[in-house]
């Protein structure tokens, strides 16, 4: 059976009505996560061309997530593997290494970076030149099904490829920044559209932040987390760059509760580690938010 694949950011040729999802009940949200709700902003009506205008999605509360029998870590499968795919220069390699470090903190799990794979593993039939932009692209679904799944390590809870090549997921789509399976523990994301990694400090941080968002979002899908439609959240779908940049790096309380259920993460330790990482990376807004969240859980605010 073909795995269920959820694209994150793409320009779609399909049109559907916006989601009319109701806000989830807090009754089954553990108290420590419910205390974080005042820090979060409810998702407003979608703007023209936003994800929820193009894709009708009902959302997924924490209680719905529990009932879905999600992918979780266990004694055998508890490592996140990052697979470099293609060639990387020194700046791109720096972003890869920082992102691998961040994924370990975000999910509170060990992360291993595998040896590079050449783009020679992608055959001609899984490549194209975009008919309008004339950008060379590789087929993301081929990467998931033919490159990653046969190489999935036995101790992997998630196996995600990073490439500098542009991605497209198949007929009817222009491009995708990332794509992952809700059930097969594989995913891929690209830094091709994240900006100039070789620019000044501000430009580099912008590219890094975009990469961190995509990587953690797609890895979230690999733990069976669907798109969030209730709050401004890293698990919200995004249909274009402006919308993606509006989304935060942090998770809403429902999605955070899902992550902690799937990985066994301690939210207090996680916020401490995320605040420290954000400080080192110069991500001030993220550092401040994680510190506020930590203060709430520690009872100091």
Protein backbone atom coordinates (compact mmCIF):
# COMPACT_ATOMS: atom_id res chain seq x y z
CA UNK A 1 0.00 0.00 0.00
CA UNK A 2 1.36 3.40 -0.92
CA UNK A 3 2.19 5.48 2.16
CA UNK A 4 0.03 8.44 3.05
CA UNK A 5 2.05 11.54 2.20
CA UNK A 6 1.37 15.04 3.48
CA UNK A 7 3.09 17.85 1.57
CA UNK A 8 3.98 20.92 3.59
CA UNK A 9 4.58 23.92 1.35
CA UNK A 10 3.54 23.77 -2.27
CA UNK A 11 1.81 25.71 -4.99
CA UNK A 12 -1.27 23.64 -5.72
CA UNK A 13 -3.38 23.32 -8.80
CA UNK A 14 -6.30 22.04 -6.79
CA UNK A 15 -8.90 24.23 -5.10
CA UNK A 16 -11.03 23.45 -2.07
CA UNK A 17 -12.96 25.47 0.41
CA UNK A 18 -11.33 26.71 3.61
CA UNK A 19 -11.43 24.61 6.76
CA UNK A 20 -14.35 25.24 9.11
CA UNK A 21 -12.73 23.31 11.95
CA UNK A 22 -13.97 24.09 15.43
CA UNK A 23 -11.48 24.85 18.16
CA UNK A 24 -10.60 21.60 19.97
CA UNK A 25 -11.91 20.90 23.43
CA UNK A 26 -9.32 21.36 26.17
CA UNK A 27 -10.92 18.65 28.32
CA UNK A 28 -8.39 15.98 27.37
CA UNK A 29 -5.35 18.26 27.12
CA UNK A 30 -3.02 17.55 30.07
CA UNK A 31 -2.98 20.43 32.56
CA UNK A 32 0.67 21.37 32.01
CA UNK A 33 0.00 21.99 28.32
CA UNK A 34 -3.30 23.76 28.97
CA UNK A 35 -1.38 26.30 31.08
CA UNK A 36 0.51 27.33 27.95
CA UNK A 37 -2.61 28.28 25.97
CA UNK A 38 -2.58 32.02 26.88
CA UNK A 39 0.81 32.37 25.17
CA UNK A 40 -0.58 31.23 21.83
CA UNK A 41 -2.55 32.98 19.10
CA UNK A 42 -5.59 31.35 17.54
CA UNK A 43 -5.38 30.87 13.81
CA UNK A 44 -7.36 33.58 12.02
CA UNK A 45 -9.23 33.35 8.70
CA UNK A 46 -6.91 32.34 5.84
CA UNK A 47 -5.72 35.01 3.45
CA UNK A 48 -6.08 34.60 -0.33
CA UNK A 49 -3.94 31.73 -1.64
CA UNK A 50 -3.16 30.47 1.90
CA UNK A 51 -3.04 26.73 2.61
CA UNK A 52 -6.55 26.47 4.07
CA UNK A 53 -8.05 28.25 1.07
CA UNK A 54 -6.55 25.63 -1.24
CA UNK A 55 -6.81 22.60 1.06
CA UNK A 56 -9.79 21.73 3.24
CA UNK A 57 -8.44 20.21 6.46
CA UNK A 58 -10.36 19.57 9.70
CA UNK A 59 -7.33 19.68 12.00
CA UNK A 60 -6.32 17.20 14.69
CA UNK A 61 -6.75 17.76 18.43
CA UNK A 62 -4.57 16.02 20.99
CA UNK A 63 -7.35 13.56 21.84
CA UNK A 64 -7.85 12.75 18.15
CA UNK A 65 -4.13 12.18 17.84
CA UNK A 66 -4.16 9.68 20.69
CA UNK A 67 -6.99 7.74 19.05
CA UNK A 68 -5.09 7.54 15.75
CA UNK A 69 -2.48 5.10 17.13
CA UNK A 70 0.39 7.39 16.13
CA UNK A 71 4.00 6.52 15.42
CA UNK A 72 5.96 6.63 18.69
CA UNK A 73 9.50 5.89 19.77
CA UNK A 74 10.14 2.57 21.48
CA UNK A 75 13.18 0.70 22.79
CA UNK A 76 14.22 -0.30 19.28
CA UNK A 77 13.31 2.79 17.26
CA UNK A 78 14.41 6.05 18.86
CA UNK A 79 16.98 7.65 16.53
CA UNK A 80 16.31 10.42 13.99
CA UNK A 81 18.50 9.98 10.92
CA UNK A 82 19.36 12.88 8.61
CA UNK A 83 20.35 11.89 5.07
CA UNK A 84 22.33 14.44 3.02
CA UNK A 85 21.30 14.02 -0.62
CA UNK A 86 23.45 15.68 -3.29
CA UNK A 87 26.35 18.11 -2.97
CA UNK A 88 26.76 20.71 -0.21
CA UNK A 89 29.14 23.64 0.02
CA UNK A 90 30.52 24.80 3.37
CA UNK A 91 27.61 27.17 4.15
CA UNK A 92 25.02 24.55 3.25
CA UNK A 93 26.86 21.98 5.35
CA UNK A 94 26.81 24.39 8.29
CA UNK A 95 23.02 24.68 8.03
CA UNK A 96 22.71 20.90 7.78
CA UNK A 97 24.78 20.40 10.94
CA UNK A 98 22.84 23.08 12.87
CA UNK A 99 19.54 21.59 11.75
CA UNK A 100 20.58 18.11 12.85
CA UNK A 101 21.50 19.54 16.26
CA UNK A 102 18.16 21.36 16.43
CA UNK A 103 16.13 18.26 15.58
CA UNK A 104 17.72 16.45 18.49
CA UNK A 105 16.67 19.27 20.81
CA UNK A 106 13.21 19.78 19.30
CA UNK A 107 12.29 16.11 19.64
CA UNK A 108 14.61 15.32 22.58
CA UNK A 109 16.02 12.33 20.71
CA UNK A 110 19.43 11.26 19.40
CA UNK A 111 20.18 12.35 15.83
CA UNK A 112 22.67 10.75 13.45
CA UNK A 113 23.79 12.23 10.13
CA UNK A 114 24.39 9.53 7.54
CA UNK A 115 27.04 9.54 4.83
CA UNK A 116 26.12 11.62 1.79
CA UNK A 117 24.14 10.10 -1.05
CA UNK A 118 24.83 11.28 -4.59
CA UNK A 119 21.99 12.58 -6.75
CA UNK A 120 22.95 9.75 -9.09
CA UNK A 121 20.44 7.65 -7.11
CA UNK A 122 17.67 9.74 -8.76
CA UNK A 123 16.95 8.40 -12.28
CA UNK A 124 16.01 10.55 -15.25
CA UNK A 125 12.31 9.68 -14.96
CA UNK A 126 12.27 11.17 -11.43
CA UNK A 127 13.73 14.50 -12.57
CA UNK A 128 12.37 17.38 -14.58
CA UNK A 129 12.93 20.98 -15.57
CA UNK A 130 10.01 23.14 -14.47
CA UNK A 131 8.10 24.09 -17.65
CA UNK A 132 7.84 27.78 -16.72
CA UNK A 133 10.72 28.55 -14.36
CA UNK A 134 13.23 26.18 -16.04
CA UNK A 135 14.48 25.09 -12.63
CA UNK A 136 15.82 21.55 -12.31
CA UNK A 137 13.78 19.50 -9.83
CA UNK A 138 13.71 16.01 -8.35
CA UNK A 139 10.58 14.04 -7.53
CA UNK A 140 10.02 14.06 -3.77
CA UNK A 141 7.85 10.93 -3.78
CA UNK A 142 10.66 9.00 -5.48
CA UNK A 143 13.01 10.08 -2.71
CA UNK A 144 10.55 8.81 -0.09
CA UNK A 145 9.63 5.52 -1.71
CA UNK A 146 12.77 4.47 -3.62
CA UNK A 147 15.67 6.18 -1.86
CA UNK A 148 14.73 6.34 1.82
CA UNK A 149 12.36 3.45 2.52
CA UNK A 150 14.80 0.73 1.29
CA UNK A 151 17.57 2.32 3.41
CA UNK A 152 15.52 2.88 6.57
CA UNK A 153 17.73 1.95 9.56
CA UNK A 154 16.25 -0.58 11.97
CA UNK A 155 16.64 1.82 14.91
CA UNK A 156 15.13 4.82 13.09
CA UNK A 157 12.00 6.48 14.42
CA UNK A 158 12.37 9.00 11.56
CA UNK A 159 14.59 9.15 8.47
CA UNK A 160 14.65 12.51 6.69
CA UNK A 161 16.69 13.57 3.67
CA UNK A 162 18.04 17.09 3.13
CA UNK A 163 18.85 18.20 -0.38
CA UNK A 164 19.96 21.41 -2.05
CA UNK A 165 17.91 20.43 -5.12
CA UNK A 166 14.44 21.81 -5.73
CA UNK A 167 11.58 19.36 -5.12
CA UNK A 168 8.24 18.70 -6.74
CA UNK A 169 5.77 16.01 -5.61
CA UNK A 170 4.20 15.09 -8.94
CA UNK A 171 1.52 16.08 -11.40
CA UNK A 172 -0.52 19.15 -10.49
CA UNK A 173 2.19 20.75 -8.32
CA UNK A 174 4.84 23.35 -9.03
CA UNK A 175 7.16 22.66 -6.12
CA UNK A 176 7.28 21.59 -2.49
CA UNK A 177 9.67 22.61 0.27
CA UNK A 178 9.18 19.35 2.14
CA UNK A 179 7.14 16.17 2.16
CA UNK A 180 6.78 13.35 4.66
CA UNK A 181 4.79 10.22 5.44
CA UNK A 182 2.41 9.96 8.39
CA UNK A 183 3.08 6.23 8.71
CA UNK A 184 6.32 5.16 7.01
CA UNK A 185 8.85 7.25 9.02
CA UNK A 186 10.42 8.89 5.97
CA UNK A 187 10.56 12.48 4.78
CA UNK A 188 12.53 14.92 2.65
CA UNK A 189 13.09 18.65 2.62
CA UNK A 190 15.00 21.12 0.47
CA UNK A 191 16.90 24.34 1.16
CA UNK A 192 16.76 25.39 -2.50
CA UNK A 193 14.15 28.12 -1.82
CA UNK A 194 15.29 29.28 1.61
CA UNK A 195 17.32 32.29 0.46
CA UNK A 196 21.03 33.16 0.30
CA UNK A 197 23.01 31.15 2.82
CA UNK A 198 26.15 32.99 1.76
CA UNK A 199 24.86 36.45 2.70
CA UNK A 200 25.35 38.48 5.85
CA UNK A 201 24.39 37.38 9.35
CA UNK A 202 20.75 38.43 8.99
CA UNK A 203 20.34 36.58 5.69
CA UNK A 204 21.99 33.46 7.07
CA UNK A 205 19.73 33.46 10.15
CA UNK A 206 16.67 33.85 7.92
CA UNK A 207 17.72 30.85 5.84
CA UNK A 208 18.53 28.85 8.95
CA UNK A 209 15.15 29.64 10.54
CA UNK A 210 13.31 28.58 7.39
CA UNK A 211 15.28 25.34 7.32
CA UNK A 212 14.60 24.61 10.97
CA UNK A 213 10.87 25.15 10.44
CA UNK A 214 10.71 22.81 7.47
CA UNK A 215 12.81 20.07 9.03
CA UNK A 216 10.91 20.02 12.33
CA UNK A 217 7.53 20.29 10.59
CA UNK A 218 8.24 17.33 8.32
CA UNK A 219 9.65 15.29 11.18
CA UNK A 220 6.47 16.06 13.11
CA UNK A 221 4.51 14.46 10.29
CA UNK A 222 6.64 11.32 10.70
CA UNK A 223 5.25 11.05 14.23
CA UNK A 224 1.73 11.08 12.69
CA UNK A 225 1.08 14.74 13.51
CA UNK A 226 -1.32 16.26 11.00
CA UNK A 227 -1.53 19.94 10.07
CA UNK A 228 -2.69 22.25 12.84
CA UNK A 229 -5.73 24.39 12.03
CA UNK A 230 -6.40 25.86 15.47
CA UNK A 231 -3.39 28.03 16.45
CA UNK A 232 -0.41 29.76 14.89
CA UNK A 233 1.85 26.74 15.03
CA UNK A 234 4.82 25.15 13.32
CA UNK A 235 2.52 22.33 12.22
CA UNK A 236 0.26 24.67 10.21
CA UNK A 237 0.26 24.07 6.48
CA UNK A 238 1.75 26.79 4.29
CA UNK A 239 1.10 27.34 0.61
CA UNK A 240 3.73 29.95 -0.24
CA UNK A 241 6.78 31.67 1.16
CA UNK A 242 5.00 34.63 2.76
CA UNK A 243 2.64 32.31 4.62
CA UNK A 244 5.48 30.05 5.71
CA UNK A 245 7.40 33.00 7.11
CA UNK A 246 4.33 33.98 9.15
CA UNK A 247 4.32 30.64 10.93
CA UNK A 248 6.28 30.28 14.18
CA UNK A 249 8.98 27.75 14.96
CA UNK A 250 7.17 26.71 18.15
CA UNK A 251 4.26 24.31 18.55
CA UNK A 252 0.83 25.08 19.96
CA UNK A 253 -0.05 23.22 23.19
CA UNK A 254 -1.99 20.50 21.36
CA UNK A 255 0.89 19.76 18.98
CA UNK A 256 3.42 20.00 21.79
CA UNK A 257 1.42 17.44 23.76
CA UNK A 258 1.45 15.18 20.69
CA UNK A 259 5.23 15.49 20.37
CA UNK A 260 5.77 14.70 24.05
CA UNK A 261 3.44 11.70 23.82
CA UNK A 262 5.29 10.38 20.76
CA UNK A 263 8.83 10.93 22.01
CA UNK A 264 8.57 10.93 25.81
CA UNK A 265 10.08 14.43 25.90
CA UNK A 266 10.00 16.47 29.12
CA UNK A 267 8.55 19.87 28.06
CA UNK A 268 10.52 21.79 30.72
CA UNK A 269 13.87 20.34 29.67
CA UNK A 270 12.90 20.80 26.04
CA UNK A 271 12.14 24.52 26.51
CA UNK A 272 15.45 25.01 28.34
CA UNK A 273 17.38 23.37 25.51
CA UNK A 274 15.44 25.25 22.82
CA UNK A 275 16.03 28.61 24.52
CA UNK A 276 19.76 27.88 24.76
CA UNK A 277 19.95 26.82 21.09
CA UNK A 278 18.02 29.91 19.99
CA UNK A 279 20.38 32.15 21.94
CA UNK A 280 23.43 30.55 20.28
CA UNK A 281 21.83 30.87 16.84
CA UNK A 282 20.79 34.51 17.30
CA UNK A 283 17.06 33.70 17.07
CA UNK A 284 15.85 36.29 19.58
CA UNK A 285 12.08 35.99 19.11
CA UNK A 286 12.28 32.23 19.46
CA UNK A 287 14.50 32.48 22.54
CA UNK A 288 12.05 34.87 24.22
CA UNK A 289 9.05 32.63 23.48
CA UNK A 290 10.73 29.50 24.80
CA UNK A 291 11.80 31.35 27.95
CA UNK A 292 8.22 32.58 28.53
CA UNK A 293 6.92 29.04 28.04
CA UNK A 294 9.49 27.72 30.47
CA UNK A 295 8.51 30.31 33.08
CA UNK A 296 4.85 29.25 32.82
CA UNK A 297 5.64 25.57 33.31
CA UNK A 298 8.03 26.28 36.17
CA UNK A 299 5.42 28.43 37.86
CA UNK A 300 7.46 31.63 37.82
CA UNK A 301 5.01 33.50 35.58
